[in-house]
PDB file of all heavy atoms in Angstrom:
ATOM      1  N   LYS A   1       0.819   3.625 -24.513  1.00  0.00           N
ATOM      2  CA  LYS A   1       0.140   3.961 -23.229  1.00  0.00           C
ATOM      3  C   LYS A   1       0.021   2.684 -22.387  1.00  0.00           C
ATOM      4  O   LYS A   1       0.080   2.732 -21.182  1.00  0.00           O
ATOM      5  CB  LYS A   1      -1.143   4.623 -23.497  1.00  0.00           C
ATOM      6  CG  LYS A   1      -1.969   4.966 -22.241  1.00  0.00           C
ATOM      7  CD  LYS A   1      -3.134   5.870 -22.620  1.00  0.00           C
ATOM      8  CE  LYS A   1      -3.959   6.230 -21.438  1.00  0.00           C
ATOM      9  NZ  LYS A   1      -3.467   6.700 -20.265  1.00  0.00           N
ATOM     10  N   ARG A   2      -0.397   1.592 -22.998  1.00  0.00           N
ATOM     11  CA  ARG A   2      -0.510   0.282 -22.257  1.00  0.00           C
ATOM     12  C   ARG A   2       0.776  -0.059 -21.587  1.00  0.00           C
ATOM     13  O   ARG A   2       0.800  -0.540 -20.427  1.00  0.00           O
ATOM     14  CB  ARG A   2      -0.987  -0.765 -23.172  1.00  0.00           C
ATOM     15  CG  ARG A   2      -2.453  -0.651 -23.559  1.00  0.00           C
ATOM     16  CD  ARG A   2      -2.913  -1.802 -24.334  1.00  0.00           C
ATOM     17  NE  ARG A   2      -4.185  -1.534 -24.961  1.00  0.00           N
ATOM     18  CZ  ARG A   2      -4.742  -2.252 -25.938  1.00  0.00           C
ATOM     19  NH1 ARG A   2      -4.042  -3.281 -26.397  1.00  0.00           N
ATOM     20  NH2 ARG A   2      -5.893  -1.953 -26.348  1.00  0.00           N
ATOM     21  N   ARG A   3       1.880   0.001 -22.273  1.00  0.00           N
ATOM     22  CA  ARG A   3       3.193  -0.342 -21.660  1.00  0.00           C
ATOM     23  C   ARG A   3       3.418   0.665 -20.520  1.00  0.00           C
ATOM     24  O   ARG A   3       3.922   0.140 -19.443  1.00  0.00           O
ATOM     25  CB  ARG A   3       4.308  -0.188 -22.700  1.00  0.00           C
ATOM     26  CG  ARG A   3       4.370  -1.433 -23.629  1.00  0.00           C
ATOM     27  CD  ARG A   3       5.572  -1.319 -24.432  1.00  0.00           C
ATOM     28  NE  ARG A   3       5.216  -1.871 -25.802  1.00  0.00           N
ATOM     29  CZ  ARG A   3       5.893  -1.535 -26.853  1.00  0.00           C
ATOM     30  NH1 ARG A   3       6.883  -0.760 -26.948  1.00  0.00           N
ATOM     31  NH2 ARG A   3       5.458  -2.022 -27.982  1.00  0.00           N
ATOM     32  N   ALA A   4       3.205   1.853 -20.687  1.00  0.00           N
ATOM     33  CA  ALA A   4       3.432   2.870 -19.683  1.00  0.00           C
ATOM     34  C   ALA A   4       2.548   2.533 -18.419  1.00  0.00           C
ATOM     35  O   ALA A   4       2.959   2.588 -17.257  1.00  0.00           O
ATOM     36  CB  ALA A   4       3.109   4.221 -20.064  1.00  0.00           C
ATOM     37  N   ASP A   5       1.324   2.039 -18.641  1.00  0.00           N
ATOM     38  CA  ASP A   5       0.418   1.746 -17.499  1.00  0.00           C
ATOM     39  C   ASP A   5       0.929   0.523 -16.835  1.00  0.00           C
ATOM     40  O   ASP A   5       0.911   0.425 -15.639  1.00  0.00           O
ATOM     41  CB  ASP A   5      -0.956   1.414 -18.036  1.00  0.00           C
ATOM     42  CG  ASP A   5      -1.650   2.668 -18.520  1.00  0.00           C
ATOM     43  OD1 ASP A   5      -1.289   3.820 -18.169  1.00  0.00           O
ATOM     44  OD2 ASP A   5      -2.792   2.623 -19.223  1.00  0.00           O
ATOM     45  N   LEU A   6       1.517  -0.503 -17.497  1.00  0.00           N
ATOM     46  CA  LEU A   6       2.034  -1.686 -16.896  1.00  0.00           C
ATOM     47  C   LEU A   6       3.344  -1.306 -16.104  1.00  0.00           C
ATOM     48  O   LEU A   6       3.494  -1.857 -15.016  1.00  0.00           O
ATOM     49  CB  LEU A   6       2.435  -2.686 -17.918  1.00  0.00           C
ATOM     50  CG  LEU A   6       1.234  -3.315 -18.653  1.00  0.00           C
ATOM     51  CD1 LEU A   6       1.689  -4.275 -19.818  1.00  0.00           C
ATOM     52  CD2 LEU A   6       0.428  -4.231 -17.655  1.00  0.00           C
ATOM     53  N   LEU A   7       4.132  -0.450 -16.586  1.00  0.00           N
ATOM     54  CA  LEU A   7       5.374  -0.090 -15.859  1.00  0.00           C
ATOM     55  C   LEU A   7       5.061   0.735 -14.721  1.00  0.00           C
ATOM     56  O   LEU A   7       5.861   0.813 -13.785  1.00  0.00           O
ATOM     57  CB  LEU A   7       6.365   0.583 -16.889  1.00  0.00           C
ATOM     58  CG  LEU A   7       6.917  -0.227 -17.948  1.00  0.00           C
ATOM     59  CD1 LEU A   7       7.776   0.575 -18.838  1.00  0.00           C
ATOM     60  CD2 LEU A   7       7.752  -1.356 -17.301  1.00  0.00           C
ATOM     61  N   LYS A   8       3.997   1.514 -14.684  1.00  0.00           N
ATOM     62  CA  LYS A   8       3.697   2.369 -13.575  1.00  0.00           C
ATOM     63  C   LYS A   8       3.563   1.673 -12.256  1.00  0.00           C
ATOM     64  O   LYS A   8       3.940   2.120 -11.289  1.00  0.00           O
ATOM     65  CB  LYS A   8       2.338   3.128 -13.886  1.00  0.00           C
ATOM     66  CG  LYS A   8       2.028   4.287 -12.998  1.00  0.00           C
ATOM     67  CD  LYS A   8       0.713   4.852 -13.309  1.00  0.00           C
ATOM     68  CE  LYS A   8       0.703   5.423 -14.696  1.00  0.00           C
ATOM     69  NZ  LYS A   8      -0.506   6.183 -15.013  1.00  0.00           N
ATOM     70  N   VAL A   9       3.099   0.395 -12.349  1.00  0.00           N
ATOM     71  CA  VAL A   9       2.953  -0.443 -11.165  1.00  0.00           C
ATOM     72  C   VAL A   9       4.380  -0.538 -10.484  1.00  0.00           C
ATOM     73  O   VAL A   9       4.575  -0.532  -9.310  1.00  0.00           O
ATOM     74  CB  VAL A   9       2.448  -1.792 -11.480  1.00  0.00           C
ATOM     75  CG1 VAL A   9       2.550  -2.742 -10.354  1.00  0.00           C
ATOM     76  CG2 VAL A   9       0.963  -1.691 -11.879  1.00  0.00           C
ATOM     77  N   PHE A  10       5.356  -0.775 -11.318  1.00  0.00           N
ATOM     78  CA  PHE A  10       6.697  -0.973 -10.781  1.00  0.00           C
ATOM     79  C   PHE A  10       7.375   0.276 -10.405  1.00  0.00           C
ATOM     80  O   PHE A  10       8.486   0.365  -9.853  1.00  0.00           O
ATOM     81  CB  PHE A  10       7.528  -1.738 -11.777  1.00  0.00           C
ATOM     82  CG  PHE A  10       6.919  -3.169 -11.976  1.00  0.00           C
ATOM     83  CD1 PHE A  10       6.233  -3.451 -13.106  1.00  0.00           C
ATOM     84  CD2 PHE A  10       7.081  -4.165 -11.032  1.00  0.00           C
ATOM     85  CE1 PHE A  10       5.596  -4.689 -13.407  1.00  0.00           C
ATOM     86  CE2 PHE A  10       6.494  -5.399 -11.198  1.00  0.00           C
ATOM     87  CZ  PHE A  10       5.815  -5.638 -12.298  1.00  0.00           C
ATOM     88  N   LEU A  11       6.880   1.480 -10.794  1.00  0.00           N
ATOM     89  CA  LEU A  11       7.526   2.701 -10.589  1.00  0.00           C
ATOM     90  C   LEU A  11       6.906   3.423  -9.290  1.00  0.00           C
ATOM     91  O   LEU A  11       7.282   4.499  -8.992  1.00  0.00           O
ATOM     92  CB  LEU A  11       7.366   3.656 -11.752  1.00  0.00           C
ATOM     93  CG  LEU A  11       8.008   3.200 -13.088  1.00  0.00           C
ATOM     94  CD1 LEU A  11       7.689   4.192 -14.165  1.00  0.00           C
ATOM     95  CD2 LEU A  11       9.475   2.966 -12.796  1.00  0.00           C
ATOM     96  N   ARG A  12       6.086   2.684  -8.571  1.00  0.00           N
ATOM     97  CA  ARG A  12       5.487   3.199  -7.439  1.00  0.00           C
ATOM     98  C   ARG A  12       6.500   3.289  -6.300  1.00  0.00           C
ATOM     99  O   ARG A  12       7.339   2.405  -6.143  1.00  0.00           O
ATOM    100  CB  ARG A  12       4.231   2.351  -6.969  1.00  0.00           C
ATOM    101  CG  ARG A  12       3.117   2.372  -7.927  1.00  0.00           C
ATOM    102  CD  ARG A  12       2.115   1.375  -7.766  1.00  0.00           C
ATOM    103  NE  ARG A  12       1.505   1.497  -6.461  1.00  0.00           N
ATOM    104  CZ  ARG A  12       0.731   0.592  -5.894  1.00  0.00           C
ATOM    105  NH1 ARG A  12       0.454  -0.574  -6.521  1.00  0.00           N
ATOM    106  NH2 ARG A  12       0.149   0.768  -4.746  1.00  0.00           N
ATOM    107  N   THR A  13       6.438   4.313  -5.393  1.00  0.00           N
ATOM    108  CA  THR A  13       7.425   4.451  -4.356  1.00  0.00           C
ATOM    109  C   THR A  13       7.112   3.533  -3.286  1.00  0.00           C
ATOM    110  O   THR A  13       5.963   2.925  -3.149  1.00  0.00           O
ATOM    111  CB  THR A  13       7.455   5.898  -3.817  1.00  0.00           C
ATOM    112  OG1 THR A  13       6.201   6.094  -3.135  1.00  0.00           O
ATOM    113  CG2 THR A  13       7.706   6.979  -4.901  1.00  0.00           C
ATOM    114  N   ASP A  14       8.023   3.241  -2.404  1.00  0.00           N
ATOM    115  CA  ASP A  14       7.831   2.376  -1.284  1.00  0.00           C
ATOM    116  C   ASP A  14       6.767   2.908  -0.343  1.00  0.00           C
ATOM    117  O   ASP A  14       5.942   2.198   0.150  1.00  0.00           O
ATOM    118  CB  ASP A  14       9.146   2.117  -0.530  1.00  0.00           C
ATOM    119  CG  ASP A  14      10.115   1.171  -1.223  1.00  0.00           C
ATOM    120  OD1 ASP A  14       9.671   0.454  -2.001  1.00  0.00           O
ATOM    121  OD2 ASP A  14      11.280   1.319  -0.863  1.00  0.00           O
ATOM    122  N   GLU A  15       6.738   4.233  -0.220  1.00  0.00           N
ATOM    123  CA  GLU A  15       5.753   4.882   0.690  1.00  0.00           C
ATOM    124  C   GLU A  15       4.336   4.810   0.052  1.00  0.00           C
ATOM    125  O   GLU A  15       3.433   4.519   0.823  1.00  0.00           O
ATOM    126  CB  GLU A  15       6.142   6.344   0.931  1.00  0.00           C
ATOM    127  CG  GLU A  15       5.213   7.090   1.907  1.00  0.00           C
ATOM    128  CD  GLU A  15       5.120   6.300   3.229  1.00  0.00           C
ATOM    129  OE1 GLU A  15       6.132   5.888   3.758  1.00  0.00           O
ATOM    130  OE2 GLU A  15       3.948   6.218   3.794  1.00  0.00           O
ATOM    131  N   GLU A  16       4.254   4.879  -1.229  1.00  0.00           N
ATOM    132  CA  GLU A  16       2.907   4.595  -1.899  1.00  0.00           C
ATOM    133  C   GLU A  16       2.386   3.207  -1.624  1.00  0.00           C
ATOM    134  O   GLU A  16       1.252   3.014  -1.319  1.00  0.00           O
ATOM    135  CB  GLU A  16       2.998   4.904  -3.369  1.00  0.00           C
ATOM    136  CG  GLU A  16       3.169   6.278  -3.712  1.00  0.00           C
ATOM    137  CD  GLU A  16       3.388   6.495  -5.266  1.00  0.00           C
ATOM    138  OE1 GLU A  16       4.125   5.740  -5.922  1.00  0.00           O
ATOM    139  OE2 GLU A  16       2.953   7.572  -5.803  1.00  0.00           O
ATOM    140  N   LEU A  17       3.348   2.216  -1.717  1.00  0.00           N
ATOM    141  CA  LEU A  17       2.913   0.836  -1.458  1.00  0.00           C
ATOM    142  C   LEU A  17       2.531   0.660  -0.019  1.00  0.00           C
ATOM    143  O   LEU A  17       1.528   0.027   0.260  1.00  0.00           O
ATOM    144  CB  LEU A  17       4.164  -0.105  -1.807  1.00  0.00           C
ATOM    145  CG  LEU A  17       4.553  -0.156  -3.248  1.00  0.00           C
ATOM    146  CD1 LEU A  17       5.856  -0.896  -3.446  1.00  0.00           C
ATOM    147  CD2 LEU A  17       3.307  -0.813  -4.014  1.00  0.00           C
ATOM    148  N   ALA A  18       3.292   1.269   0.897  1.00  0.00           N
ATOM    149  CA  ALA A  18       3.053   1.169   2.327  1.00  0.00           C
ATOM    150  C   ALA A  18       1.674   1.706   2.656  1.00  0.00           C
ATOM    151  O   ALA A  18       0.927   1.242   3.437  1.00  0.00           O
ATOM    152  CB  ALA A  18       4.076   1.772   3.173  1.00  0.00           C
ATOM    153  N   THR A  19       1.367   2.887   2.065  1.00  0.00           N
ATOM    154  CA  THR A  19       0.113   3.618   2.269  1.00  0.00           C
ATOM    155  C   THR A  19      -1.035   2.720   1.766  1.00  0.00           C
ATOM    156  O   THR A  19      -2.066   2.609   2.373  1.00  0.00           O
ATOM    157  CB  THR A  19       0.045   4.933   1.542  1.00  0.00           C
ATOM    158  OG1 THR A  19       1.047   5.731   2.055  1.00  0.00           O
ATOM    159  CG2 THR A  19      -1.282   5.618   1.681  1.00  0.00           C
ATOM    160  N   GLU A  20      -0.872   2.083   0.664  1.00  0.00           N
ATOM    161  CA  GLU A  20      -1.962   1.192   0.072  1.00  0.00           C
ATOM    162  C   GLU A  20      -2.147  -0.040   0.980  1.00  0.00           C
ATOM    163  O   GLU A  20      -3.290  -0.379   1.309  1.00  0.00           O
ATOM    164  CB  GLU A  20      -1.564   0.684  -1.278  1.00  0.00           C
ATOM    165  CG  GLU A  20      -2.613  -0.242  -1.827  1.00  0.00           C
ATOM    166  CD  GLU A  20      -2.392  -0.773  -3.271  1.00  0.00           C
ATOM    167  OE1 GLU A  20      -1.498  -0.172  -3.967  1.00  0.00           O
ATOM    168  OE2 GLU A  20      -2.957  -1.803  -3.598  1.00  0.00           O
ATOM    169  N   ILE A  21      -1.039  -0.548   1.540  1.00  0.00           N
ATOM    170  CA  ILE A  21      -1.196  -1.748   2.460  1.00  0.00           C
ATOM    171  C   ILE A  21      -1.950  -1.270   3.709  1.00  0.00           C
ATOM    172  O   ILE A  21      -2.820  -1.992   4.211  1.00  0.00           O
ATOM    173  CB  ILE A  21       0.161  -2.317   2.713  1.00  0.00           C
ATOM    174  CG1 ILE A  21       0.784  -3.052   1.493  1.00  0.00           C
ATOM    175  CG2 ILE A  21       0.139  -3.353   3.864  1.00  0.00           C
ATOM    176  CD1 ILE A  21       2.225  -3.336   1.561  1.00  0.00           C
ATOM    177  N   ARG A  22      -1.595  -0.176   4.273  1.00  0.00           N
ATOM    178  CA  ARG A  22      -2.262   0.288   5.554  1.00  0.00           C
ATOM    179  C   ARG A  22      -3.792   0.465   5.278  1.00  0.00           C
ATOM    180  O   ARG A  22      -4.507   0.140   6.049  1.00  0.00           O
ATOM    181  CB  ARG A  22      -1.625   1.662   5.974  1.00  0.00           C
ATOM    182  CG  ARG A  22      -0.332   1.509   6.714  1.00  0.00           C
ATOM    183  CD  ARG A  22       0.108   2.921   7.242  1.00  0.00           C
ATOM    184  NE  ARG A  22       1.554   2.963   7.244  1.00  0.00           N
ATOM    185  CZ  ARG A  22       2.287   3.501   6.274  1.00  0.00           C
ATOM    186  NH1 ARG A  22       1.798   4.103   5.305  1.00  0.00           N
ATOM    187  NH2 ARG A  22       3.679   3.471   6.401  1.00  0.00           N
ATOM    188  N   ARG A  23      -4.032   1.145   4.185  1.00  0.00           N
ATOM    189  CA  ARG A  23      -5.366   1.485   3.884  1.00  0.00           C
ATOM    190  C   ARG A  23      -6.269   0.386   3.499  1.00  0.00           C
ATOM    191  O   ARG A  23      -7.408   0.179   3.980  1.00  0.00           O
ATOM    192  CB  ARG A  23      -5.482   2.599   2.745  1.00  0.00           C
ATOM    193  CG  ARG A  23      -6.826   3.183   2.464  1.00  0.00           C
ATOM    194  CD  ARG A  23      -6.790   4.244   1.284  1.00  0.00           C
ATOM    195  NE  ARG A  23      -5.856   4.013   0.275  1.00  0.00           N
ATOM    196  CZ  ARG A  23      -6.113   3.156  -0.792  1.00  0.00           C
ATOM    197  NH1 ARG A  23      -7.185   2.651  -0.884  1.00  0.00           N
ATOM    198  NH2 ARG A  23      -5.114   3.021  -1.730  1.00  0.00           N
ATOM    199  N   THR A  24      -5.793  -0.424   2.589  1.00  0.00           N
ATOM    200  CA  THR A  24      -6.596  -1.526   1.993  1.00  0.00           C
ATOM    201  C   THR A  24      -6.613  -2.842   2.813  1.00  0.00           C
ATOM    202  O   THR A  24      -7.512  -3.675   2.634  1.00  0.00           O
ATOM    203  CB  THR A  24      -6.338  -1.809   0.586  1.00  0.00           C
ATOM    204  OG1 THR A  24      -4.931  -2.212   0.502  1.00  0.00           O
ATOM    205  CG2 THR A  24      -6.478  -0.604  -0.254  1.00  0.00           C
ATOM    206  N   ILE A  25      -5.557  -2.992   3.623  1.00  0.00           N
ATOM    207  CA  ILE A  25      -5.465  -4.307   4.311  1.00  0.00           C
ATOM    208  C   ILE A  25      -5.414  -4.126   5.830  1.00  0.00           C
ATOM    209  O   ILE A  25      -6.313  -4.686   6.546  1.00  0.00           O
ATOM    210  CB  ILE A  25      -4.155  -5.095   3.922  1.00  0.00           C
ATOM    211  CG1 ILE A  25      -4.240  -5.300   2.387  1.00  0.00           C
ATOM    212  CG2 ILE A  25      -3.977  -6.325   4.715  1.00  0.00           C
ATOM    213  CD1 ILE A  25      -2.904  -5.814   1.698  1.00  0.00           C
ATOM    214  N   VAL A  26      -4.506  -3.394   6.347  1.00  0.00           N
ATOM    215  CA  VAL A  26      -4.420  -3.125   7.841  1.00  0.00           C
ATOM    216  C   VAL A  26      -5.685  -2.601   8.406  1.00  0.00           C
ATOM    217  O   VAL A  26      -6.228  -3.166   9.403  1.00  0.00           O
ATOM    218  CB  VAL A  26      -3.097  -2.462   8.258  1.00  0.00           C
ATOM    219  CG1 VAL A  26      -3.061  -2.262   9.707  1.00  0.00           C
ATOM    220  CG2 VAL A  26      -1.883  -3.377   7.736  1.00  0.00           C
ATOM    221  N   GLU A  27      -6.114  -1.518   7.859  1.00  0.00           N
ATOM    222  CA  GLU A  27      -7.253  -0.831   8.524  1.00  0.00           C
ATOM    223  C   GLU A  27      -8.528  -1.576   8.340  1.00  0.00           C
ATOM    224  O   GLU A  27      -9.443  -1.541   9.246  1.00  0.00           O
ATOM    225  CB  GLU A  27      -7.379   0.548   7.842  1.00  0.00           C
ATOM    226  CG  GLU A  27      -6.347   1.520   8.324  1.00  0.00           C
ATOM    227  CD  GLU A  27      -6.490   2.926   7.704  1.00  0.00           C
ATOM    228  OE1 GLU A  27      -7.482   3.160   6.947  1.00  0.00           O
ATOM    229  OE2 GLU A  27      -5.482   3.679   7.835  1.00  0.00           O
ATOM    230  N   ARG A  28      -8.649  -2.396   7.310  1.00  0.00           N
ATOM    231  CA  ARG A  28      -9.876  -3.236   7.071  1.00  0.00           C
ATOM    232  C   ARG A  28      -9.908  -4.455   7.913  1.00  0.00           C
ATOM    233  O   ARG A  28     -10.978  -4.836   8.446  1.00  0.00           O
ATOM    234  CB  ARG A  28     -10.011  -3.593   5.569  1.00  0.00           C
ATOM    235  CG  ARG A  28     -10.427  -2.485   4.744  1.00  0.00           C
ATOM    236  CD  ARG A  28     -10.629  -2.897   3.309  1.00  0.00           C
ATOM    237  NE  ARG A  28     -10.958  -1.769   2.568  1.00  0.00           N
ATOM    238  CZ  ARG A  28     -11.236  -1.880   1.224  1.00  0.00           C
ATOM    239  NH1 ARG A  28     -11.136  -3.018   0.613  1.00  0.00           N
ATOM    240  NH2 ARG A  28     -11.582  -0.852   0.567  1.00  0.00           N
ATOM    241  N   PHE A  29      -8.742  -5.149   8.062  1.00  0.00           N
ATOM    242  CA  PHE A  29      -8.739  -6.426   8.731  1.00  0.00           C
ATOM    243  C   PHE A  29      -8.459  -6.311  10.260  1.00  0.00           C
ATOM    244  O   PHE A  29      -8.846  -7.200  11.030  1.00  0.00           O
ATOM    245  CB  PHE A  29      -7.621  -7.345   8.139  1.00  0.00           C
ATOM    246  CG  PHE A  29      -8.005  -8.005   6.886  1.00  0.00           C
ATOM    247  CD1 PHE A  29      -7.806  -7.420   5.676  1.00  0.00           C
ATOM    248  CD2 PHE A  29      -8.658  -9.249   6.952  1.00  0.00           C
ATOM    249  CE1 PHE A  29      -8.252  -7.907   4.506  1.00  0.00           C
ATOM    250  CE2 PHE A  29      -9.142  -9.825   5.721  1.00  0.00           C
ATOM    251  CZ  PHE A  29      -8.885  -9.173   4.519  1.00  0.00           C
ATOM    252  N   PHE A  30      -7.904  -5.258  10.620  1.00  0.00           N
ATOM    253  CA  PHE A  30      -7.611  -4.994  12.012  1.00  0.00           C
ATOM    254  C   PHE A  30      -8.120  -3.593  12.526  1.00  0.00           C
ATOM    255  O   PHE A  30      -7.327  -2.765  12.954  1.00  0.00           O
ATOM    256  CB  PHE A  30      -6.089  -5.081  12.366  1.00  0.00           C
ATOM    257  CG  PHE A  30      -5.573  -6.361  11.778  1.00  0.00           C
ATOM    258  CD1 PHE A  30      -4.686  -6.394  10.722  1.00  0.00           C
ATOM    259  CD2 PHE A  30      -5.861  -7.566  12.401  1.00  0.00           C
ATOM    260  CE1 PHE A  30      -4.108  -7.577  10.178  1.00  0.00           C
ATOM    261  CE2 PHE A  30      -5.323  -8.760  11.901  1.00  0.00           C
ATOM    262  CZ  PHE A  30      -4.378  -8.764  10.752  1.00  0.00           C
ATOM    263  N   PRO A  31      -9.474  -3.361  12.332  1.00  0.00           N
ATOM    264  CA  PRO A  31     -10.004  -2.084  12.729  1.00  0.00           C
ATOM    265  C   PRO A  31      -9.760  -1.595  14.146  1.00  0.00           C
ATOM    266  O   PRO A  31      -9.675  -0.456  14.413  1.00  0.00           O
ATOM    267  CB  PRO A  31     -11.470  -2.196  12.348  1.00  0.00           C
ATOM    268  CG  PRO A  31     -11.768  -3.667  12.471  1.00  0.00           C
ATOM    269  CD  PRO A  31     -10.519  -4.328  11.995  1.00  0.00           C
ATOM    270  N   LEU A  32      -9.768  -2.571  15.097  1.00  0.00           N
ATOM    271  CA  LEU A  32      -9.544  -2.163  16.497  1.00  0.00           C
ATOM    272  C   LEU A  32      -8.188  -2.048  16.874  1.00  0.00           C
ATOM    273  O   LEU A  32      -7.827  -1.428  17.878  1.00  0.00           O
ATOM    274  CB  LEU A  32     -10.210  -3.207  17.285  1.00  0.00           C
ATOM    275  CG  LEU A  32     -11.654  -3.374  17.207  1.00  0.00           C
ATOM    276  CD1 LEU A  32     -12.275  -4.555  18.008  1.00  0.00           C
ATOM    277  CD2 LEU A  32     -12.503  -2.163  17.440  1.00  0.00           C
ATOM    278  N   SER A  33      -7.213  -2.603  16.095  1.00  0.00           N
ATOM    279  CA  SER A  33      -5.788  -2.527  16.535  1.00  0.00           C
ATOM    280  C   SER A  33      -4.885  -2.081  15.378  1.00  0.00           C
ATOM    281  O   SER A  33      -3.558  -2.105  15.434  1.00  0.00           O
ATOM    282  CB  SER A  33      -5.301  -3.914  16.910  1.00  0.00           C
ATOM    283  OG  SER A  33      -5.557  -4.889  15.979  1.00  0.00           O
ATOM    284  N   HIS A  34      -5.504  -1.436  14.313  1.00  0.00           N
ATOM    285  CA  HIS A  34      -4.591  -1.023  13.216  1.00  0.00           C
ATOM    286  C   HIS A  34      -3.545   0.003  13.540  1.00  0.00           C
ATOM    287  O   HIS A  34      -2.488   0.035  12.927  1.00  0.00           O
ATOM    288  CB  HIS A  34      -5.549  -0.524  12.001  1.00  0.00           C
ATOM    289  CG  HIS A  34      -6.143   0.762  12.255  1.00  0.00           C
ATOM    290  ND1 HIS A  34      -7.369   0.908  12.834  1.00  0.00           N
ATOM    291  CD2 HIS A  34      -5.731   2.031  11.948  1.00  0.00           C
ATOM    292  CE1 HIS A  34      -7.640   2.224  12.909  1.00  0.00           C
ATOM    293  NE2 HIS A  34      -6.664   2.882  12.415  1.00  0.00           N
ATOM    294  N   GLU A  35      -3.855   0.791  14.590  1.00  0.00           N
ATOM    295  CA  GLU A  35      -2.797   1.802  14.971  1.00  0.00           C
ATOM    296  C   GLU A  35      -1.621   1.184  15.532  1.00  0.00           C
ATOM    297  O   GLU A  35      -0.599   1.775  15.695  1.00  0.00           O
ATOM    298  CB  GLU A  35      -3.427   2.890  15.890  1.00  0.00           C
ATOM    299  CG  GLU A  35      -4.505   3.721  15.187  1.00  0.00           C
ATOM    300  CD  GLU A  35      -5.169   4.664  16.113  1.00  0.00           C
ATOM    301  OE1 GLU A  35      -4.877   4.702  17.345  1.00  0.00           O
ATOM    302  OE2 GLU A  35      -5.970   5.445  15.640  1.00  0.00           O
ATOM    303  N   ALA A  36      -1.724  -0.093  16.053  1.00  0.00           N
ATOM    304  CA  ALA A  36      -0.507  -0.756  16.693  1.00  0.00           C
ATOM    305  C   ALA A  36       0.199  -1.537  15.599  1.00  0.00           C
ATOM    306  O   ALA A  36       1.235  -2.214  15.915  1.00  0.00           O
ATOM    307  CB  ALA A  36      -1.038  -1.720  17.678  1.00  0.00           C
ATOM    308  N   VAL A  37      -0.145  -1.438  14.347  1.00  0.00           N
ATOM    309  CA  VAL A  37       0.575  -2.240  13.257  1.00  0.00           C
ATOM    310  C   VAL A  37       1.444  -1.151  12.519  1.00  0.00           C
ATOM    311  O   VAL A  37       0.905  -0.137  12.031  1.00  0.00           O
ATOM    312  CB  VAL A  37      -0.384  -2.889  12.374  1.00  0.00           C
ATOM    313  CG1 VAL A  37       0.283  -3.509  11.177  1.00  0.00           C
ATOM    314  CG2 VAL A  37      -1.268  -3.937  13.082  1.00  0.00           C
ATOM    315  N   LYS A  38       2.722  -1.473  12.316  1.00  0.00           N
ATOM    316  CA  LYS A  38       3.602  -0.710  11.500  1.00  0.00           C
ATOM    317  C   LYS A  38       3.837  -1.385  10.221  1.00  0.00           C
ATOM    318  O   LYS A  38       4.069  -2.601  10.169  1.00  0.00           O
ATOM    319  CB  LYS A  38       4.946  -0.493  12.273  1.00  0.00           C
ATOM    320  CG  LYS A  38       5.940   0.409  11.605  1.00  0.00           C
ATOM    321  CD  LYS A  38       7.166   0.495  12.367  1.00  0.00           C
ATOM    322  CE  LYS A  38       8.083   1.383  11.619  1.00  0.00           C
ATOM    323  NZ  LYS A  38       9.420   1.550  12.312  1.00  0.00           N
ATOM    324  N   VAL A  39       3.632  -0.630   9.167  1.00  0.00           N
ATOM    325  CA  VAL A  39       3.878  -1.066   7.868  1.00  0.00           C
ATOM    326  C   VAL A  39       5.018  -0.290   7.157  1.00  0.00           C
ATOM    327  O   VAL A  39       5.086   0.871   7.173  1.00  0.00           O
ATOM    328  CB  VAL A  39       2.703  -0.986   6.907  1.00  0.00           C
ATOM    329  CG1 VAL A  39       2.980  -1.451   5.540  1.00  0.00           C
ATOM    330  CG2 VAL A  39       1.499  -1.663   7.500  1.00  0.00           C
ATOM    331  N   THR A  40       6.187  -1.077   6.811  1.00  0.00           N
ATOM    332  CA  THR A  40       7.195  -0.397   6.069  1.00  0.00           C
ATOM    333  C   THR A  40       7.515  -1.159   4.789  1.00  0.00           C
ATOM    334  O   THR A  40       7.236  -2.392   4.686  1.00  0.00           O
ATOM    335  CB  THR A  40       8.540  -0.421   6.876  1.00  0.00           C
ATOM    336  OG1 THR A  40       8.884  -1.731   7.219  1.00  0.00           O
ATOM    337  CG2 THR A  40       8.381   0.526   8.192  1.00  0.00           C
ATOM    338  N   VAL A  41       7.931  -0.475   3.775  1.00  0.00           N
ATOM    339  CA  VAL A  41       8.291  -1.128   2.555  1.00  0.00           C
ATOM    340  C   VAL A  41       9.625  -0.560   2.107  1.00  0.00           C
ATOM    341  O   VAL A  41       9.800   0.641   2.087  1.00  0.00           O
ATOM    342  CB  VAL A  41       7.302  -0.851   1.345  1.00  0.00           C
ATOM    343  CG1 VAL A  41       7.695  -1.408   0.092  1.00  0.00           C
ATOM    344  CG2 VAL A  41       5.912  -1.316   1.791  1.00  0.00           C
TER     345      VAL A  41
END
């Protein structure tokens, strides 16, 4: 189970990564202009 948990990080889709970046970084750091920021992975 521990190995599977470690590998799960690398099995995330590009869209999952982009969603996390939008939610945890872009929306928090740029609350007034986050809609003008495009994130692609």
